[in-house]
Amino acid sequence: MTPENKKRLKNALSTASELIRGHGEVGLSPEDVGEKDQKGLDEYIKATGRAAKMITTLANKY
C-alpha cells in the first residue's frame, strides 16, 4: 500500500469513527435503534462509543 493510500485509509477510518460516535449523541429514541427502553438506549450509546474507539485504534495503525 502506498503512503498516499495509507493516508486516505486513515482519514476514511477517522471519519467513520466520528460518524458513529456522533450518531449516539443526537436526539435518539429507543425505538430509533431497536431498543425497548431508555436503559437499552444508554447501552447502545455506550456501544457506539466503543465502536468508535475501536475504529480510531485501527485508523492510528495507518
PDB file of N, CA and C in Angstrom:
ATOM      1  N   MET A   1       0.854  -1.174   0.000  1.00  0.00           N
ATOM      2  CA  MET A   1       0.000   0.000   0.000  1.00  0.00           C
ATOM      3  C   MET A   1       0.901   1.239   0.000  1.00  0.00           C
ATOM      4  N   THR A   2       0.585   2.155  -0.869  1.00  0.00           N
ATOM      5  CA  THR A   2       1.404   3.358  -0.972  1.00  0.00           C
ATOM      6  C   THR A   2       1.130   4.268   0.226  1.00  0.00           C
ATOM      7  N   PRO A   3       2.083   5.124   0.556  1.00  0.00           N
ATOM      8  CA  PRO A   3       1.869   6.055   1.668  1.00  0.00           C
ATOM      9  C   PRO A   3       0.626   6.935   1.468  1.00  0.00           C
ATOM     10  N   GLU A   4       0.370   7.293   0.230  1.00  0.00           N
ATOM     11  CA  GLU A   4      -0.801   8.129  -0.060  1.00  0.00           C
ATOM     12  C   GLU A   4      -2.097   7.357   0.227  1.00  0.00           C
ATOM     13  N   ASN A   5      -2.134   6.086  -0.131  1.00  0.00           N
ATOM     14  CA  ASN A   5      -3.319   5.279   0.143  1.00  0.00           C
ATOM     15  C   ASN A   5      -3.487   5.000   1.638  1.00  0.00           C
ATOM     16  N   LYS A   6      -2.382   4.864   2.350  1.00  0.00           N
ATOM     17  CA  LYS A   6      -2.458   4.690   3.808  1.00  0.00           C
ATOM     18  C   LYS A   6      -3.083   5.927   4.449  1.00  0.00           C
ATOM     19  N   LYS A   7      -2.682   7.100   3.972  1.00  0.00           N
ATOM     20  CA  LYS A   7      -3.238   8.344   4.496  1.00  0.00           C
ATOM     21  C   LYS A   7      -4.738   8.424   4.208  1.00  0.00           C
ATOM     22  N   ARG A   8      -5.128   8.035   3.006  1.00  0.00           N
ATOM     23  CA  ARG A   8      -6.553   8.041   2.652  1.00  0.00           C
ATOM     24  C   ARG A   8      -7.344   7.093   3.544  1.00  0.00           C
ATOM     25  N   LEU A   9      -6.803   5.913   3.766  1.00  0.00           N
ATOM     26  CA  LEU A   9      -7.483   4.931   4.607  1.00  0.00           C
ATOM     27  C   LEU A   9      -7.614   5.437   6.032  1.00  0.00           C
ATOM     28  N   LYS A  10      -6.553   6.035   6.550  1.00  0.00           N
ATOM     29  CA  LYS A  10      -6.610   6.584   7.903  1.00  0.00           C
ATOM     30  C   LYS A  10      -7.676   7.671   7.986  1.00  0.00           C
ATOM     31  N   ASN A  11      -7.734   8.548   7.003  1.00  0.00           N
ATOM     32  CA  ASN A  11      -8.736   9.612   7.002  1.00  0.00           C
ATOM     33  C   ASN A  11     -10.151   9.040   6.915  1.00  0.00           C
ATOM     34  N   ALA A  12     -10.346   8.025   6.091  1.00  0.00           N
ATOM     35  CA  ALA A  12     -11.667   7.412   5.953  1.00  0.00           C
ATOM     36  C   ALA A  12     -12.087   6.735   7.255  1.00  0.00           C
ATOM     37  N   LEU A  13     -11.168   6.035   7.892  1.00  0.00           N
ATOM     38  CA  LEU A  13     -11.484   5.382   9.159  1.00  0.00           C
ATOM     39  C   LEU A  13     -11.769   6.406  10.256  1.00  0.00           C
ATOM     40  N   SER A  14     -11.020   7.471  10.278  1.00  0.00           N
ATOM     41  CA  SER A  14     -11.250   8.523  11.274  1.00  0.00           C
ATOM     42  C   SER A  14     -12.618   9.170  11.078  1.00  0.00           C
ATOM     43  N   THR A  15     -12.987   9.391   9.827  1.00  0.00           N
ATOM     44  CA  THR A  15     -14.302   9.957   9.531  1.00  0.00           C
ATOM     45  C   THR A  15     -15.408   9.007   9.964  1.00  0.00           C
ATOM     46  N   ALA A  16     -15.246   7.729   9.674  1.00  0.00           N
ATOM     47  CA  ALA A  16     -16.242   6.725  10.074  1.00  0.00           C
ATOM     48  C   ALA A  16     -16.386   6.685  11.585  1.00  0.00           C
ATOM     49  N   SER A  17     -15.283   6.775  12.279  1.00  0.00           N
ATOM     50  CA  SER A  17     -15.310   6.772  13.742  1.00  0.00           C
ATOM     51  C   SER A  17     -16.115   7.947  14.283  1.00  0.00           C
ATOM     52  N   GLU A  18     -15.884   9.112  13.725  1.00  0.00           N
ATOM     53  CA  GLU A  18     -16.619  10.304  14.174  1.00  0.00           C
ATOM     54  C   GLU A  18     -18.105  10.208  13.858  1.00  0.00           C
ATOM     55  N   LEU A  19     -18.441   9.657  12.700  1.00  0.00           N
ATOM     56  CA  LEU A  19     -19.850   9.498  12.334  1.00  0.00           C
ATOM     57  C   LEU A  19     -20.559   8.563  13.306  1.00  0.00           C
ATOM     58  N   ILE A  20     -19.905   7.466  13.664  1.00  0.00           N
ATOM     59  CA  ILE A  20     -20.510   6.519  14.594  1.00  0.00           C
ATOM     60  C   ILE A  20     -20.625   7.134  15.984  1.00  0.00           C
ATOM     61  N   ARG A  21     -19.575   7.795  16.430  1.00  0.00           N
ATOM     62  CA  ARG A  21     -19.610   8.418  17.757  1.00  0.00           C
ATOM     63  C   ARG A  21     -20.698   9.479  17.817  1.00  0.00           C
ATOM     64  N   GLY A  22     -20.784  10.303  16.796  1.00  0.00           N
ATOM     65  CA  GLY A  22     -21.772  11.376  16.763  1.00  0.00           C
ATOM     66  C   GLY A  22     -23.200  10.871  16.651  1.00  0.00           C
ATOM     67  N   HIS A  23     -23.363   9.699  16.054  1.00  0.00           N
ATOM     68  CA  HIS A  23     -24.698   9.119  15.907  1.00  0.00           C
ATOM     69  C   HIS A  23     -25.366   8.928  17.265  1.00  0.00           C
ATOM     70  N   GLY A  24     -24.598   8.557  18.262  1.00  0.00           N
ATOM     71  CA  GLY A  24     -25.147   8.340  19.598  1.00  0.00           C
ATOM     72  C   GLY A  24     -25.421   9.619  20.361  1.00  0.00           C
ATOM     73  N   GLU A  25     -24.943  10.731  19.867  1.00  0.00           N
ATOM     74  CA  GLU A  25     -25.110  11.991  20.590  1.00  0.00           C
ATOM     75  C   GLU A  25     -26.348  12.776  20.163  1.00  0.00           C
ATOM     76  N   VAL A  26     -26.918  12.445  19.034  1.00  0.00           N
ATOM     77  CA  VAL A  26     -28.091  13.171  18.558  1.00  0.00           C
ATOM     78  C   VAL A  26     -29.330  12.663  19.278  1.00  0.00           C
ATOM     79  N   GLY A  27     -30.428  13.379  19.165  1.00  0.00           N
ATOM     80  CA  GLY A  27     -31.655  13.024  19.860  1.00  0.00           C
ATOM     81  C   GLY A  27     -32.284  11.746  19.340  1.00  0.00           C
ATOM     82  N   LEU A  28     -31.898  10.634  19.913  1.00  0.00           N
ATOM     83  CA  LEU A  28     -32.443   9.338  19.523  1.00  0.00           C
ATOM     84  C   LEU A  28     -33.498   8.892  20.527  1.00  0.00           C
ATOM     85  N   SER A  29     -34.450   8.151  20.037  1.00  0.00           N
ATOM     86  CA  SER A  29     -35.371   7.475  20.951  1.00  0.00           C
ATOM     87  C   SER A  29     -35.018   5.991  20.904  1.00  0.00           C
ATOM     88  N   PRO A  30     -35.360   5.245  21.928  1.00  0.00           N
ATOM     89  CA  PRO A  30     -35.019   3.819  21.930  1.00  0.00           C
ATOM     90  C   PRO A  30     -35.529   3.086  20.685  1.00  0.00           C
ATOM     91  N   GLU A  31     -36.703   3.448  20.208  1.00  0.00           N
ATOM     92  CA  GLU A  31     -37.274   2.780  19.041  1.00  0.00           C
ATOM     93  C   GLU A  31     -36.460   3.034  17.769  1.00  0.00           C
ATOM     94  N   ASP A  32     -35.768   4.164  17.717  1.00  0.00           N
ATOM     95  CA  ASP A  32     -34.960   4.505  16.543  1.00  0.00           C
ATOM     96  C   ASP A  32     -33.850   3.494  16.289  1.00  0.00           C
ATOM     97  N   VAL A  33     -33.374   2.878  17.353  1.00  0.00           N
ATOM     98  CA  VAL A  33     -32.234   1.965  17.226  1.00  0.00           C
ATOM     99  C   VAL A  33     -32.577   0.542  17.660  1.00  0.00           C
ATOM    100  N   GLY A  34     -33.871   0.235  17.721  1.00  0.00           N
ATOM    101  CA  GLY A  34     -34.299  -1.117  18.033  1.00  0.00           C
ATOM    102  C   GLY A  34     -34.220  -1.501  19.496  1.00  0.00           C
ATOM    103  N   GLU A  35     -34.228  -0.514  20.377  1.00  0.00           N
ATOM    104  CA  GLU A  35     -34.204  -0.786  21.817  1.00  0.00           C
ATOM    105  C   GLU A  35     -35.596  -0.607  22.400  1.00  0.00           C
ATOM    106  N   LYS A  36     -35.825  -1.222  23.559  1.00  0.00           N
ATOM    107  CA  LYS A  36     -37.156  -1.190  24.167  1.00  0.00           C
ATOM    108  C   LYS A  36     -37.354  -0.046  25.155  1.00  0.00           C
ATOM    109  N   ASP A  37     -36.260   0.404  25.772  1.00  0.00           N
ATOM    110  CA  ASP A  37     -36.395   1.433  26.804  1.00  0.00           C
ATOM    111  C   ASP A  37     -35.139   2.301  26.860  1.00  0.00           C
ATOM    112  N   GLN A  38     -35.152   3.261  27.768  1.00  0.00           N
ATOM    113  CA  GLN A  38     -34.030   4.201  27.902  1.00  0.00           C
ATOM    114  C   GLN A  38     -32.751   3.492  28.318  1.00  0.00           C
ATOM    115  N   LYS A  39     -32.869   2.478  29.161  1.00  0.00           N
ATOM    116  CA  LYS A  39     -31.678   1.738  29.585  1.00  0.00           C
ATOM    117  C   LYS A  39     -31.005   1.079  28.375  1.00  0.00           C
ATOM    118  N   GLY A  40     -31.810   0.490  27.497  1.00  0.00           N
ATOM    119  CA  GLY A  40     -31.258  -0.108  26.287  1.00  0.00           C
ATOM    120  C   GLY A  40     -30.600   0.931  25.400  1.00  0.00           C
ATOM    121  N   LEU A  41     -31.222   2.104  25.307  1.00  0.00           N
ATOM    122  CA  LEU A  41     -30.642   3.191  24.510  1.00  0.00           C
ATOM    123  C   LEU A  41     -29.310   3.637  25.100  1.00  0.00           C
ATOM    124  N   ASP A  42     -29.239   3.730  26.418  1.00  0.00           N
ATOM    125  CA  ASP A  42     -27.977   4.104  27.066  1.00  0.00           C
ATOM    126  C   ASP A  42     -26.879   3.094  26.744  1.00  0.00           C
ATOM    127  N   GLU A  43     -27.222   1.814  26.754  1.00  0.00           N
ATOM    128  CA  GLU A  43     -26.246   0.777  26.413  1.00  0.00           C
ATOM    129  C   GLU A  43     -25.839   0.872  24.943  1.00  0.00           C
ATOM    130  N   TYR A  44     -26.791   1.198  24.092  1.00  0.00           N
ATOM    131  CA  TYR A  44     -26.496   1.378  22.666  1.00  0.00           C
ATOM    132  C   TYR A  44     -25.510   2.533  22.474  1.00  0.00           C
ATOM    133  N   ILE A  45     -25.726   3.619  23.184  1.00  0.00           N
ATOM    134  CA  ILE A  45     -24.827   4.770  23.078  1.00  0.00           C
ATOM    135  C   ILE A  45     -23.427   4.401  23.545  1.00  0.00           C
ATOM    136  N   LYS A  46     -23.334   3.611  24.608  1.00  0.00           N
ATOM    137  CA  LYS A  46     -22.016   3.140  25.065  1.00  0.00           C
ATOM    138  C   LYS A  46     -21.365   2.283  23.988  1.00  0.00           C
ATOM    139  N   ALA A  47     -22.169   1.456  23.323  1.00  0.00           N
ATOM    140  CA  ALA A  47     -21.638   0.593  22.268  1.00  0.00           C
ATOM    141  C   ALA A  47     -21.117   1.421  21.091  1.00  0.00           C
ATOM    142  N   THR A  48     -21.809   2.516  20.754  1.00  0.00           N
ATOM    143  CA  THR A  48     -21.311   3.358  19.662  1.00  0.00           C
ATOM    144  C   THR A  48     -19.970   3.981  20.044  1.00  0.00           C
ATOM    145  N   GLY A  49     -19.813   4.328  21.306  1.00  0.00           N
ATOM    146  CA  GLY A  49     -18.528   4.864  21.776  1.00  0.00           C
ATOM    147  C   GLY A  49     -17.420   3.834  21.672  1.00  0.00           C
ATOM    148  N   ARG A  50     -17.728   2.595  22.055  1.00  0.00           N
ATOM    149  CA  ARG A  50     -16.724   1.529  21.955  1.00  0.00           C
ATOM    150  C   ARG A  50     -16.356   1.256  20.498  1.00  0.00           C
ATOM    151  N   ALA A  51     -17.363   1.243  19.630  1.00  0.00           N
ATOM    152  CA  ALA A  51     -17.099   1.015  18.206  1.00  0.00           C
ATOM    153  C   ALA A  51     -16.219   2.129  17.637  1.00  0.00           C
ATOM    154  N   ALA A  52     -16.522   3.364  18.010  1.00  0.00           N
ATOM    155  CA  ALA A  52     -15.724   4.497  17.536  1.00  0.00           C
ATOM    156  C   ALA A  52     -14.282   4.375  18.010  1.00  0.00           C
ATOM    157  N   LYS A  53     -14.111   3.955  19.259  1.00  0.00           N
ATOM    158  CA  LYS A  53     -12.755   3.805  19.799  1.00  0.00           C
ATOM    159  C   LYS A  53     -11.993   2.707  19.053  1.00  0.00           C
ATOM    160  N   MET A  54     -12.674   1.610  18.748  1.00  0.00           N
ATOM    161  CA  MET A  54     -12.029   0.523  18.008  1.00  0.00           C
ATOM    162  C   MET A  54     -11.600   0.980  16.620  1.00  0.00           C
ATOM    163  N   ILE A  55     -12.456   1.739  15.955  1.00  0.00           N
ATOM    164  CA  ILE A  55     -12.131   2.219  14.611  1.00  0.00           C
ATOM    165  C   ILE A  55     -10.984   3.225  14.666  1.00  0.00           C
ATOM    166  N   THR A  56     -10.981   4.080  15.676  1.00  0.00           N
ATOM    167  CA  THR A  56      -9.889   5.044  15.838  1.00  0.00           C
ATOM    168  C   THR A  56      -8.574   4.320  16.065  1.00  0.00           C
ATOM    169  N   THR A  57      -8.594   3.270  16.874  1.00  0.00           N
ATOM    170  CA  THR A  57      -7.382   2.482  17.113  1.00  0.00           C
ATOM    171  C   THR A  57      -6.874   1.883  15.803  1.00  0.00           C
ATOM    172  N   LEU A  58      -7.777   1.366  15.009  1.00  0.00           N
ATOM    173  CA  LEU A  58      -7.391   0.822  13.700  1.00  0.00           C
ATOM    174  C   LEU A  58      -6.828   1.927  12.797  1.00  0.00           C
ATOM    175  N   ALA A  59      -7.474   3.084  12.789  1.00  0.00           N
ATOM    176  CA  ALA A  59      -7.002   4.195  11.960  1.00  0.00           C
ATOM    177  C   ALA A  59      -5.589   4.607  12.343  1.00  0.00           C
ATOM    178  N   ASN A  60      -5.310   4.597  13.625  1.00  0.00           N
ATOM    179  CA  ASN A  60      -3.982   5.021  14.090  1.00  0.00           C
ATOM    180  C   ASN A  60      -2.871   4.067  13.680  1.00  0.00           C
ATOM    181  N   LYS A  61      -3.231   2.858  13.269  1.00  0.00           N
ATOM    182  CA  LYS A  61      -2.218   1.923  12.785  1.00  0.00           C
ATOM    183  C   LYS A  61      -1.698   2.325  11.407  1.00  0.00           C
ATOM    184  N   TYR A  62      -2.432   3.198  10.742  1.00  0.00           N
ATOM    185  CA  TYR A  62      -2.033   3.658   9.429  1.00  0.00           C
ATOM    186  C   TYR A  62      -1.464   5.045   9.517  1.00  0.00           C
TER     187      TYR A  62
END
